[in-house]
Amino acid sequence: SEVGVQGITVTEVKGFGRQKGHTELYRGAEYVVDFLPKVK
């Protein structure tokens, strides 16, 4: 907005790059999150 852009489109997306996701613990079980939440 400060540089004069008047309109944008925003989409919630999921993906991964070099980090290829990560592991998380849920109720004592470890699982892999392949796609991370991002905004496009």
Full PDB file with SEQRES, HELIX, SHEET, SSBOND, CRYST1, ORIGX, SCALE, CONECT and MASTER records, all heavy atoms in Angstrom:
SEQRES   1 A   40  SER GLU VAL GLY VAL GLN GLY ILE THR VAL THR GLU VAL          
SEQRES   2 A   40  LYS GLY PHE GLY ARG GLN LYS GLY HIS THR GLU LEU TYR          
SEQRES   3 A   40  ARG GLY ALA GLU TYR VAL VAL ASP PHE LEU PRO LYS VAL          
SEQRES   4 A   40  LYS                                                          
SHEET    1 AA1 2 GLU A  12  GLY A  15  0                                        
SHEET    2 AA1 2 LEU A  36  VAL A  39 -1                                        
SHEET    1 AA2 2 HIS A  22  TYR A  26  0                                        
SHEET    2 AA2 2 ALA A  29  VAL A  33 -1                                        
CRYST1    1.000    1.000    1.000  90.00  90.00  90.00 P 1           1          
ORIGX1      1.000000  0.000000  0.000000        0.00000                         
ORIGX2      0.000000  1.000000  0.000000        0.00000                         
ORIGX3      0.000000  0.000000  1.000000        0.00000                         
SCALE1      1.000000  0.000000  0.000000        0.00000                         
SCALE2      0.000000  1.000000  0.000000        0.00000                         
SCALE3      0.000000  0.000000  1.000000        0.00000                         
ATOM      1  N   SER A   1       0.828  -1.206   0.000  1.00  0.00           N  
ATOM      2  CA  SER A   1       0.000   0.000   0.000  1.00  0.00           C  
ATOM      3  C   SER A   1       0.864   1.259   0.000  1.00  0.00           C  
ATOM      4  O   SER A   1       0.554   2.237  -0.685  1.00  0.00           O  
ATOM      5  CB  SER A   1      -0.921  -0.020   1.215  1.00  0.00           C  
ATOM      6  OG  SER A   1      -1.813   1.044   1.185  1.00  0.00           O  
ATOM      7  N   GLU A   2       1.967   1.233   0.742  1.00  0.00           N  
ATOM      8  CA  GLU A   2       2.866   2.380   0.819  1.00  0.00           C  
ATOM      9  C   GLU A   2       3.543   2.691  -0.515  1.00  0.00           C  
ATOM     10  O   GLU A   2       3.888   3.832  -0.779  1.00  0.00           O  
ATOM     11  CB  GLU A   2       3.933   2.155   1.897  1.00  0.00           C  
ATOM     12  CG  GLU A   2       3.387   2.259   3.304  1.00  0.00           C  
ATOM     13  CD  GLU A   2       4.431   1.922   4.352  1.00  0.00           C  
ATOM     14  OE1 GLU A   2       5.632   1.793   4.015  1.00  0.00           O  
ATOM     15  OE2 GLU A   2       4.038   1.773   5.529  1.00  0.00           O  
ATOM     16  N   VAL A   3       3.750   1.677  -1.364  1.00  0.00           N  
ATOM     17  CA  VAL A   3       4.387   1.917  -2.666  1.00  0.00           C  
ATOM     18  C   VAL A   3       3.360   2.118  -3.779  1.00  0.00           C  
ATOM     19  O   VAL A   3       3.712   2.166  -4.945  1.00  0.00           O  
ATOM     20  CB  VAL A   3       5.388   0.802  -3.051  1.00  0.00           C  
ATOM     21  CG1 VAL A   3       6.546   0.762  -2.082  1.00  0.00           C  
ATOM     22  CG2 VAL A   3       4.716  -0.547  -3.189  1.00  0.00           C  
ATOM     23  N   GLY A   4       2.076   2.217  -3.407  1.00  0.00           N  
ATOM     24  CA  GLY A   4       1.051   2.576  -4.379  1.00  0.00           C  
ATOM     25  C   GLY A   4       0.289   1.437  -5.019  1.00  0.00           C  
ATOM     26  O   GLY A   4      -0.475   1.665  -5.956  1.00  0.00           O  
ATOM     27  N   VAL A   5       0.455   0.223  -4.526  1.00  0.00           N  
ATOM     28  CA  VAL A   5      -0.312  -0.898  -5.069  1.00  0.00           C  
ATOM     29  C   VAL A   5      -1.745  -0.778  -4.564  1.00  0.00           C  
ATOM     30  O   VAL A   5      -1.984  -0.643  -3.374  1.00  0.00           O  
ATOM     31  CB  VAL A   5       0.303  -2.253  -4.638  1.00  0.00           C  
ATOM     32  CG1 VAL A   5      -0.593  -3.407  -5.050  1.00  0.00           C  
ATOM     33  CG2 VAL A   5       1.685  -2.399  -5.240  1.00  0.00           C  
ATOM     34  N   GLN A   6      -2.705  -0.836  -5.496  1.00  0.00           N  
ATOM     35  CA  GLN A   6      -4.096  -0.591  -5.123  1.00  0.00           C  
ATOM     36  C   GLN A   6      -4.898  -1.848  -4.858  1.00  0.00           C  
ATOM     37  O   GLN A   6      -5.896  -1.807  -4.169  1.00  0.00           O  
ATOM     38  CB  GLN A   6      -4.783   0.223  -6.215  1.00  0.00           C  
ATOM     39  CG  GLN A   6      -4.224   1.615  -6.327  1.00  0.00           C  
ATOM     40  CD  GLN A   6      -4.943   2.429  -7.368  1.00  0.00           C  
ATOM     41  OE1 GLN A   6      -5.688   1.905  -8.173  1.00  0.00           O  
ATOM     42  NE2 GLN A   6      -4.699   3.721  -7.353  1.00  0.00           N  
ATOM     43  N   GLY A   7      -4.496  -2.976  -5.412  1.00  0.00           N  
ATOM     44  CA  GLY A   7      -5.274  -4.186  -5.198  1.00  0.00           C  
ATOM     45  C   GLY A   7      -4.406  -5.421  -5.181  1.00  0.00           C  
ATOM     46  O   GLY A   7      -3.435  -5.519  -5.921  1.00  0.00           O  
ATOM     47  N   ILE A   8      -4.769  -6.365  -4.318  1.00  0.00           N  
ATOM     48  CA  ILE A   8      -4.057  -7.643  -4.266  1.00  0.00           C  
ATOM     49  C   ILE A   8      -5.089  -8.761  -4.113  1.00  0.00           C  
ATOM     50  O   ILE A   8      -6.207  -8.528  -3.668  1.00  0.00           O  
ATOM     51  CB  ILE A   8      -3.024  -7.715  -3.115  1.00  0.00           C  
ATOM     52  CG1 ILE A   8      -3.702  -7.669  -1.745  1.00  0.00           C  
ATOM     53  CG2 ILE A   8      -1.991  -6.626  -3.234  1.00  0.00           C  
ATOM     54  CD1 ILE A   8      -2.759  -7.917  -0.584  1.00  0.00           C  
ATOM     55  N   THR A   9      -4.693  -9.946  -4.491  1.00  0.00           N  
ATOM     56  CA  THR A   9      -5.499 -11.138  -4.277  1.00  0.00           C  
ATOM     57  C   THR A   9      -4.725 -12.041  -3.332  1.00  0.00           C  
ATOM     58  O   THR A   9      -3.532 -12.266  -3.531  1.00  0.00           O  
ATOM     59  CB  THR A   9      -5.762 -11.879  -5.608  1.00  0.00           C  
ATOM     60  OG1 THR A   9      -6.441 -10.990  -6.489  1.00  0.00           O  
ATOM     61  CG2 THR A   9      -6.604 -13.118  -5.388  1.00  0.00           C  
ATOM     62  N   VAL A  10      -5.400 -12.550  -2.311  1.00  0.00           N  
ATOM     63  CA  VAL A  10      -4.755 -13.385  -1.305  1.00  0.00           C  
ATOM     64  C   VAL A  10      -5.445 -14.744  -1.266  1.00  0.00           C  
ATOM     65  O   VAL A  10      -6.674 -14.818  -1.234  1.00  0.00           O  
ATOM     66  CB  VAL A  10      -4.823 -12.727   0.095  1.00  0.00           C  
ATOM     67  CG1 VAL A  10      -4.223 -13.632   1.153  1.00  0.00           C  
ATOM     68  CG2 VAL A  10      -4.127 -11.384   0.074  1.00  0.00           C  
ATOM     69  N   THR A  11      -4.649 -15.795  -1.277  1.00  0.00           N  
ATOM     70  CA  THR A  11      -5.155 -17.156  -1.210  1.00  0.00           C  
ATOM     71  C   THR A  11      -4.399 -17.920  -0.137  1.00  0.00           C  
ATOM     72  O   THR A  11      -3.174 -17.816  -0.056  1.00  0.00           O  
ATOM     73  CB  THR A  11      -4.940 -17.883  -2.569  1.00  0.00           C  
ATOM     74  OG1 THR A  11      -5.404 -17.058  -3.629  1.00  0.00           O  
ATOM     75  CG2 THR A  11      -5.666 -19.197  -2.597  1.00  0.00           C  
ATOM     76  N   GLU A  12      -5.133 -18.668   0.685  1.00  0.00           N  
ATOM     77  CA  GLU A  12      -4.470 -19.542   1.649  1.00  0.00           C  
ATOM     78  C   GLU A  12      -4.077 -20.820   0.918  1.00  0.00           C  
ATOM     79  O   GLU A  12      -4.924 -21.462   0.297  1.00  0.00           O  
ATOM     80  CB  GLU A  12      -5.403 -19.861   2.811  1.00  0.00           C  
ATOM     81  CG  GLU A  12      -5.689 -18.655   3.682  1.00  0.00           C  
ATOM     82  CD  GLU A  12      -6.601 -18.980   4.854  1.00  0.00           C  
ATOM     83  OE1 GLU A  12      -6.867 -20.179   5.100  1.00  0.00           O  
ATOM     84  OE2 GLU A  12      -7.042 -18.039   5.509  1.00  0.00           O  
ATOM     85  N   VAL A  13      -2.794 -21.158   0.977  1.00  0.00           N  
ATOM     86  CA  VAL A  13      -2.283 -22.330   0.271  1.00  0.00           C  
ATOM     87  C   VAL A  13      -1.445 -23.172   1.226  1.00  0.00           C  
ATOM     88  O   VAL A  13      -1.138 -22.753   2.341  1.00  0.00           O  
ATOM     89  CB  VAL A  13      -1.440 -21.922  -0.964  1.00  0.00           C  
ATOM     90  CG1 VAL A  13      -2.302 -21.207  -1.987  1.00  0.00           C  
ATOM     91  CG2 VAL A  13      -0.257 -21.063  -0.570  1.00  0.00           C  
ATOM     92  N   LYS A  14      -1.064 -24.354   0.767  1.00  0.00           N  
ATOM     93  CA  LYS A  14      -0.152 -25.207   1.522  1.00  0.00           C  
ATOM     94  C   LYS A  14       0.944 -25.656   0.594  1.00  0.00           C  
ATOM     95  O   LYS A  14       0.718 -25.838  -0.604  1.00  0.00           O  
ATOM     96  CB  LYS A  14      -0.884 -26.432   2.078  1.00  0.00           C  
ATOM     97  CG  LYS A  14      -1.866 -26.108   3.160  1.00  0.00           C  
ATOM     98  CD  LYS A  14      -2.471 -27.350   3.739  1.00  0.00           C  
ATOM     99  CE  LYS A  14      -3.411 -26.964   4.864  1.00  0.00           C  
ATOM    100  NZ  LYS A  14      -3.817 -28.122   5.644  1.00  0.00           N  
ATOM    101  N   GLY A  15       2.140 -25.823   1.127  1.00  0.00           N  
ATOM    102  CA  GLY A  15       3.243 -26.265   0.298  1.00  0.00           C  
ATOM    103  C   GLY A  15       4.497 -26.480   1.116  1.00  0.00           C  
ATOM    104  O   GLY A  15       4.490 -26.347   2.338  1.00  0.00           O  
ATOM    105  N   PHE A  16       5.560 -26.811   0.404  1.00  0.00           N  
ATOM    106  CA  PHE A  16       6.853 -26.949   1.071  1.00  0.00           C  
ATOM    107  C   PHE A  16       7.949 -26.641   0.073  1.00  0.00           C  
ATOM    108  O   PHE A  16       7.769 -26.727  -1.127  1.00  0.00           O  
ATOM    109  CB  PHE A  16       7.041 -28.346   1.684  1.00  0.00           C  
ATOM    110  CG  PHE A  16       7.149 -29.453   0.675  1.00  0.00           C  
ATOM    111  CD1 PHE A  16       8.380 -29.800   0.143  1.00  0.00           C  
ATOM    112  CD2 PHE A  16       6.027 -30.133   0.266  1.00  0.00           C  
ATOM    113  CE1 PHE A  16       8.486 -30.830  -0.782  1.00  0.00           C  
ATOM    114  CE2 PHE A  16       6.117 -31.160  -0.650  1.00  0.00           C  
ATOM    115  CZ  PHE A  16       7.351 -31.506  -1.182  1.00  0.00           C  
ATOM    116  N   GLY A  17       9.081 -26.266   0.602  1.00  0.00           N  
ATOM    117  CA  GLY A  17      10.258 -25.998  -0.203  1.00  0.00           C  
ATOM    118  C   GLY A  17      11.373 -26.910   0.246  1.00  0.00           C  
ATOM    119  O   GLY A  17      11.175 -28.105   0.455  1.00  0.00           O  
ATOM    120  N   ARG A  18      12.522 -26.340   0.453  1.00  0.00           N  
ATOM    121  CA  ARG A  18      13.676 -27.139   0.861  1.00  0.00           C  
ATOM    122  C   ARG A  18      13.502 -27.813   2.211  1.00  0.00           C  
ATOM    123  O   ARG A  18      14.067 -28.858   2.461  1.00  0.00           O  
ATOM    124  CB  ARG A  18      14.921 -26.256   0.904  1.00  0.00           C  
ATOM    125  CG  ARG A  18      15.388 -25.840  -0.458  1.00  0.00           C  
ATOM    126  CD  ARG A  18      16.686 -25.091  -0.363  1.00  0.00           C  
ATOM    127  NE  ARG A  18      17.057 -24.582  -1.668  1.00  0.00           N  
ATOM    128  CZ  ARG A  18      17.822 -23.551  -1.861  1.00  0.00           C  
ATOM    129  NH1 ARG A  18      18.330 -22.897  -0.835  1.00  0.00           N  
ATOM    130  NH2 ARG A  18      18.109 -23.146  -3.079  1.00  0.00           N  
ATOM    131  N   GLN A  19      12.720 -27.190   3.104  1.00  0.00           N  
ATOM    132  CA  GLN A  19      12.584 -27.773   4.441  1.00  0.00           C  
ATOM    133  C   GLN A  19      11.748 -29.043   4.417  1.00  0.00           C  
ATOM    134  O   GLN A  19      11.777 -29.826   5.346  1.00  0.00           O  
ATOM    135  CB  GLN A  19      12.008 -26.757   5.436  1.00  0.00           C  
ATOM    136  CG  GLN A  19      10.506 -26.552   5.332  1.00  0.00           C  
ATOM    137  CD  GLN A  19      10.108 -25.413   4.427  1.00  0.00           C  
ATOM    138  OE1 GLN A  19      10.806 -25.073   3.480  1.00  0.00           O  
ATOM    139  NE2 GLN A  19       8.976 -24.814   4.694  1.00  0.00           N  
ATOM    140  N   LYS A  20      10.992 -29.287   3.366  1.00  0.00           N  
ATOM    141  CA  LYS A  20      10.207 -30.509   3.168  1.00  0.00           C  
ATOM    142  C   LYS A  20       9.327 -30.852   4.366  1.00  0.00           C  
ATOM    143  O   LYS A  20       9.212 -31.998   4.767  1.00  0.00           O  
ATOM    144  CB  LYS A  20      11.123 -31.677   2.841  1.00  0.00           C  
ATOM    145  CG  LYS A  20      11.938 -31.426   1.596  1.00  0.00           C  
ATOM    146  CD  LYS A  20      12.322 -32.696   0.915  1.00  0.00           C  
ATOM    147  CE  LYS A  20      13.064 -32.513  -0.368  1.00  0.00           C  
ATOM    148  NZ  LYS A  20      13.748 -31.322  -0.658  1.00  0.00           N  
ATOM    149  N   GLY A  21       8.715 -29.856   4.954  1.00  0.00           N  
ATOM    150  CA  GLY A  21       7.821 -30.088   6.081  1.00  0.00           C  
ATOM    151  C   GLY A  21       8.578 -30.272   7.383  1.00  0.00           C  
ATOM    152  O   GLY A  21       9.756 -29.972   7.480  1.00  0.00           O  
ATOM    153  N   HIS A  22       7.883 -30.765   8.389  1.00  0.00           N  
ATOM    154  CA  HIS A  22       8.499 -30.995   9.688  1.00  0.00           C  
ATOM    155  C   HIS A  22       7.680 -32.034  10.458  1.00  0.00           C  
ATOM    156  O   HIS A  22       6.586 -32.404  10.049  1.00  0.00           O  
ATOM    157  CB  HIS A  22       8.614 -29.691  10.478  1.00  0.00           C  
ATOM    158  CG  HIS A  22       7.289 -29.072  10.803  1.00  0.00           C  
ATOM    159  ND1 HIS A  22       6.593 -28.288   9.912  1.00  0.00           N  
ATOM    160  CD2 HIS A  22       6.538 -29.137  11.913  1.00  0.00           C  
ATOM    161  CE1 HIS A  22       5.460 -27.896  10.464  1.00  0.00           C  
ATOM    162  NE2 HIS A  22       5.388 -28.395  11.676  1.00  0.00           N  
ATOM    163  N   THR A  23       8.230 -32.488  11.569  1.00  0.00           N  
ATOM    164  CA  THR A  23       7.498 -33.455  12.391  1.00  0.00           C  
ATOM    165  C   THR A  23       6.903 -32.732  13.595  1.00  0.00           C  
ATOM    166  O   THR A  23       7.468 -31.763  14.102  1.00  0.00           O  
ATOM    167  CB  THR A  23       8.420 -34.593  12.877  1.00  0.00           C  
ATOM    168  OG1 THR A  23       9.495 -34.025  13.619  1.00  0.00           O  
ATOM    169  CG2 THR A  23       8.955 -35.394  11.715  1.00  0.00           C  
ATOM    170  N   GLU A  24       5.740 -33.219  14.034  1.00  0.00           N  
ATOM    171  CA  GLU A  24       5.074 -32.660  15.206  1.00  0.00           C  
ATOM    172  C   GLU A  24       4.603 -33.795  16.092  1.00  0.00           C  
ATOM    173  O   GLU A  24       4.455 -34.928  15.644  1.00  0.00           O  
ATOM    174  CB  GLU A  24       3.870 -31.806  14.789  1.00  0.00           C  
ATOM    175  CG  GLU A  24       4.240 -30.497  14.140  1.00  0.00           C  
ATOM    176  CD  GLU A  24       3.043 -29.600  13.909  1.00  0.00           C  
ATOM    177  OE1 GLU A  24       1.922 -29.957  14.334  1.00  0.00           O  
ATOM    178  OE2 GLU A  24       3.226 -28.547  13.308  1.00  0.00           O  
ATOM    179  N   LEU A  25       4.362 -33.479  17.351  1.00  0.00           N  
ATOM    180  CA  LEU A  25       3.801 -34.435  18.292  1.00  0.00           C  
ATOM    181  C   LEU A  25       2.338 -34.090  18.537  1.00  0.00           C  
ATOM    182  O   LEU A  25       1.995 -32.921  18.744  1.00  0.00           O  
ATOM    183  CB  LEU A  25       4.545 -34.387  19.624  1.00  0.00           C  
ATOM    184  CG  LEU A  25       5.903 -35.079  19.684  1.00  0.00           C  
ATOM    185  CD1 LEU A  25       6.553 -34.826  21.034  1.00  0.00           C  
ATOM    186  CD2 LEU A  25       5.747 -36.563  19.439  1.00  0.00           C  
ATOM    187  N   TYR A  26       1.473 -35.093  18.490  1.00  0.00           N  
ATOM    188  CA  TYR A  26       0.066 -34.897  18.802  1.00  0.00           C  
ATOM    189  C   TYR A  26      -0.397 -36.070  19.651  1.00  0.00           C  
ATOM    190  O   TYR A  26      -0.372 -37.214  19.205  1.00  0.00           O  
ATOM    191  CB  TYR A  26      -0.772 -34.796  17.516  1.00  0.00           C  
ATOM    192  CG  TYR A  26      -2.236 -34.598  17.768  1.00  0.00           C  
ATOM    193  CD1 TYR A  26      -2.710 -33.390  18.242  1.00  0.00           C  
ATOM    194  CD2 TYR A  26      -3.138 -35.629  17.561  1.00  0.00           C  
ATOM    195  CE1 TYR A  26      -4.050 -33.198  18.492  1.00  0.00           C  
ATOM    196  CE2 TYR A  26      -4.483 -35.459  17.806  1.00  0.00           C  
ATOM    197  CZ  TYR A  26      -4.935 -34.234  18.273  1.00  0.00           C  
ATOM    198  OH  TYR A  26      -6.274 -34.048  18.524  1.00  0.00           O  
ATOM    199  N   ARG A  27      -0.782 -35.781  20.890  1.00  0.00           N  
ATOM    200  CA  ARG A  27      -1.217 -36.812  21.832  1.00  0.00           C  
ATOM    201  C   ARG A  27      -0.205 -37.948  21.946  1.00  0.00           C  
ATOM    202  O   ARG A  27      -0.544 -39.127  21.915  1.00  0.00           O  
ATOM    203  CB  ARG A  27      -2.585 -37.343  21.460  1.00  0.00           C  
ATOM    204  CG  ARG A  27      -3.654 -36.286  21.581  1.00  0.00           C  
ATOM    205  CD  ARG A  27      -5.014 -36.875  21.406  1.00  0.00           C  
ATOM    206  NE  ARG A  27      -6.011 -35.827  21.598  1.00  0.00           N  
ATOM    207  CZ  ARG A  27      -7.306 -36.027  21.540  1.00  0.00           C  
ATOM    208  NH1 ARG A  27      -7.776 -37.227  21.297  1.00  0.00           N  
ATOM    209  NH2 ARG A  27      -8.132 -35.044  21.712  1.00  0.00           N  
ATOM    210  N   GLY A  28       1.043 -37.577  21.980  1.00  0.00           N  
ATOM    211  CA  GLY A  28       2.104 -38.547  22.169  1.00  0.00           C  
ATOM    212  C   GLY A  28       2.577 -39.243  20.914  1.00  0.00           C  
ATOM    213  O   GLY A  28       3.556 -39.983  20.943  1.00  0.00           O  
ATOM    214  N   ALA A  29       1.895 -39.030  19.804  1.00  0.00           N  
ATOM    215  CA  ALA A  29       2.286 -39.672  18.542  1.00  0.00           C  
ATOM    216  C   ALA A  29       2.994 -38.651  17.655  1.00  0.00           C  
ATOM    217  O   ALA A  29       2.570 -37.500  17.554  1.00  0.00           O  
ATOM    218  CB  ALA A  29       1.063 -40.228  17.821  1.00  0.00           C  
ATOM    219  N   GLU A  30       4.066 -39.076  17.039  1.00  0.00           N  
ATOM    220  CA  GLU A  30       4.808 -38.192  16.144  1.00  0.00           C  
ATOM    221  C   GLU A  30       4.307 -38.408  14.720  1.00  0.00           C  
ATOM    222  O   GLU A  30       4.082 -39.533  14.288  1.00  0.00           O  
ATOM    223  CB  GLU A  30       6.305 -38.528  16.217  1.00  0.00           C  
ATOM    224  CG  GLU A  30       7.178 -37.541  15.481  1.00  0.00           C  
ATOM    225  CD  GLU A  30       8.651 -37.819  15.702  1.00  0.00           C  
ATOM    226  OE1 GLU A  30       9.154 -37.548  16.813  1.00  0.00           O  
ATOM    227  OE2 GLU A  30       9.279 -38.313  14.758  1.00  0.00           O  
ATOM    228  N   TYR A  31       4.083 -37.306  14.018  1.00  0.00           N  
ATOM    229  CA  TYR A  31       3.657 -37.416  12.629  1.00  0.00           C  
ATOM    230  C   TYR A  31       4.320 -36.326  11.798  1.00  0.00           C  
ATOM    231  O   TYR A  31       4.769 -35.301  12.327  1.00  0.00           O  
ATOM    232  CB  TYR A  31       2.136 -37.369  12.495  1.00  0.00           C  
ATOM    233  CG  TYR A  31       1.506 -36.056  12.885  1.00  0.00           C  
ATOM    234  CD1 TYR A  31       1.141 -35.123  11.913  1.00  0.00           C  
ATOM    235  CD2 TYR A  31       1.267 -35.736  14.209  1.00  0.00           C  
ATOM    236  CE1 TYR A  31       0.576 -33.919  12.270  1.00  0.00           C  
ATOM    237  CE2 TYR A  31       0.705 -34.537  14.579  1.00  0.00           C  
ATOM    238  CZ  TYR A  31       0.345 -33.637  13.599  1.00  0.00           C  
ATOM    239  OH  TYR A  31      -0.219 -32.442  13.962  1.00  0.00           O  
ATOM    240  N   VAL A  32       4.390 -36.554  10.507  1.00  0.00           N  
ATOM    241  CA  VAL A  32       5.069 -35.635   9.591  1.00  0.00           C  
ATOM    242  C   VAL A  32       4.047 -34.705   8.953  1.00  0.00           C  
ATOM    243  O   VAL A  32       3.016 -35.153   8.451  1.00  0.00           O  
ATOM    244  CB  VAL A  32       5.823 -36.412   8.491  1.00  0.00           C  
ATOM    245  CG1 VAL A  32       6.464 -35.457   7.500  1.00  0.00           C  
ATOM    246  CG2 VAL A  32       6.867 -37.321   9.116  1.00  0.00           C  
ATOM    247  N   VAL A  33       4.328 -33.416   9.009  1.00  0.00           N  
ATOM    248  CA  VAL A  33       3.518 -32.420   8.320  1.00  0.00           C  
ATOM    249  C   VAL A  33       4.249 -32.098   7.023  1.00  0.00           C  
ATOM    250  O   VAL A  33       5.265 -31.409   7.030  1.00  0.00           O  
ATOM    251  CB  VAL A  33       3.336 -31.145   9.181  1.00  0.00           C  
ATOM    252  CG1 VAL A  33       2.532 -30.104   8.423  1.00  0.00           C  
ATOM    253  CG2 VAL A  33       2.678 -31.487  10.503  1.00  0.00           C  
ATOM    254  N   ASP A  34       3.756 -32.648   5.909  1.00  0.00           N  
ATOM    255  CA  ASP A  34       4.417 -32.458   4.615  1.00  0.00           C  
ATOM    256  C   ASP A  34       4.180 -31.069   4.047  1.00  0.00           C  
ATOM    257  O   ASP A  34       5.069 -30.466   3.469  1.00  0.00           O  
ATOM    258  CB  ASP A  34       3.934 -33.502   3.603  1.00  0.00           C  
ATOM    259  CG  ASP A  34       4.425 -34.894   3.951  1.00  0.00           C  
ATOM    260  OD1 ASP A  34       5.519 -35.005   4.526  1.00  0.00           O  
ATOM    261  OD2 ASP A  34       3.709 -35.852   3.648  1.00  0.00           O  
ATOM    262  N   PHE A  35       2.955 -30.596   4.160  1.00  0.00           N  
ATOM    263  CA  PHE A  35       2.600 -29.310   3.571  1.00  0.00           C  
ATOM    264  C   PHE A  35       2.376 -28.293   4.673  1.00  0.00           C  
ATOM    265  O   PHE A  35       1.559 -28.490   5.566  1.00  0.00           O  
ATOM    266  CB  PHE A  35       1.340 -29.450   2.713  1.00  0.00           C  
ATOM    267  CG  PHE A  35       1.540 -30.359   1.538  1.00  0.00           C  
ATOM    268  CD1 PHE A  35       1.076 -31.656   1.560  1.00  0.00           C  
ATOM    269  CD2 PHE A  35       2.207 -29.907   0.416  1.00  0.00           C  
ATOM    270  CE1 PHE A  35       1.261 -32.498   0.481  1.00  0.00           C  
ATOM    271  CE2 PHE A  35       2.404 -30.734  -0.672  1.00  0.00           C  
ATOM    272  CZ  PHE A  35       1.933 -32.038  -0.639  1.00  0.00           C  
ATOM    273  N   LEU A  36       3.100 -27.194   4.583  1.00  0.00           N  
ATOM    274  CA  LEU A  36       3.011 -26.141   5.582  1.00  0.00           C  
ATOM    275  C   LEU A  36       2.054 -25.056   5.104  1.00  0.00           C  
ATOM    276  O   LEU A  36       1.988 -24.759   3.906  1.00  0.00           O  
ATOM    277  CB  LEU A  36       4.394 -25.540   5.822  1.00  0.00           C  
ATOM    278  CG  LEU A  36       5.459 -26.533   6.274  1.00  0.00           C  
ATOM    279  CD1 LEU A  36       6.822 -25.871   6.306  1.00  0.00           C  
ATOM    280  CD2 LEU A  36       5.106 -27.097   7.630  1.00  0.00           C  
ATOM    281  N   PRO A  37       1.309 -24.430   6.025  1.00  0.00           N  
ATOM    282  CA  PRO A  37       0.395 -23.366   5.611  1.00  0.00           C  
ATOM    283  C   PRO A  37       1.172 -22.141   5.141  1.00  0.00           C  
ATOM    284  O   PRO A  37       2.142 -21.710   5.783  1.00  0.00           O  
ATOM    285  CB  PRO A  37      -0.411 -23.063   6.872  1.00  0.00           C  
ATOM    286  CG  PRO A  37       0.407 -23.581   7.996  1.00  0.00           C  
ATOM    287  CD  PRO A  37       1.251 -24.697   7.449  1.00  0.00           C  
ATOM    288  N   LYS A  38       0.752 -21.607   4.016  1.00  0.00           N  
ATOM    289  CA  LYS A  38       1.365 -20.410   3.436  1.00  0.00           C  
ATOM    290  C   LYS A  38       0.258 -19.502   2.927  1.00  0.00           C  
ATOM    291  O   LYS A  38      -0.915 -19.886   2.873  1.00  0.00           O  
ATOM    292  CB  LYS A  38       2.288 -20.764   2.263  1.00  0.00           C  
ATOM    293  CG  LYS A  38       3.435 -21.694   2.601  1.00  0.00           C  
ATOM    294  CD  LYS A  38       4.499 -20.992   3.386  1.00  0.00           C  
ATOM    295  CE  LYS A  38       5.674 -21.943   3.639  1.00  0.00           C  
ATOM    296  NZ  LYS A  38       6.740 -21.296   4.341  1.00  0.00           N  
ATOM    297  N   VAL A  39       0.623 -18.306   2.518  1.00  0.00           N  
ATOM    298  CA  VAL A  39      -0.308 -17.373   1.890  1.00  0.00           C  
ATOM    299  C   VAL A  39       0.284 -16.978   0.547  1.00  0.00           C  
ATOM    300  O   VAL A  39       1.474 -16.663   0.460  1.00  0.00           O  
ATOM    301  CB  VAL A  39      -0.515 -16.116   2.766  1.00  0.00           C  
ATOM    302  CG1 VAL A  39      -1.326 -15.070   2.032  1.00  0.00           C  
ATOM    303  CG2 VAL A  39      -1.191 -16.481   4.071  1.00  0.00           C  
ATOM    304  N   LYS A  40      -0.550 -17.016  -0.483  1.00  0.00           N  
ATOM    305  CA  LYS A  40      -0.114 -16.605  -1.815  1.00  0.00           C  
ATOM    306  C   LYS A  40      -0.759 -15.257  -2.129  1.00  0.00           C  
ATOM    307  O   LYS A  40      -1.971 -15.107  -2.049  1.00  0.00           O  
ATOM    308  CB  LYS A  40      -0.527 -17.629  -2.862  1.00  0.00           C  
ATOM    309  CG  LYS A  40      -0.068 -17.277  -4.257  1.00  0.00           C  
ATOM    310  CD  LYS A  40      -0.478 -18.368  -5.235  1.00  0.00           C  
ATOM    311  CE  LYS A  40      -0.007 -18.058  -6.635  1.00  0.00           C  
ATOM    312  NZ  LYS A  40      -0.462 -19.103  -7.576  1.00  0.00           N  
TER     313      LYS A  40                                                      
MASTER        0    0    0    0    4    0    0    6  312    1    0    4          
END                                                                             
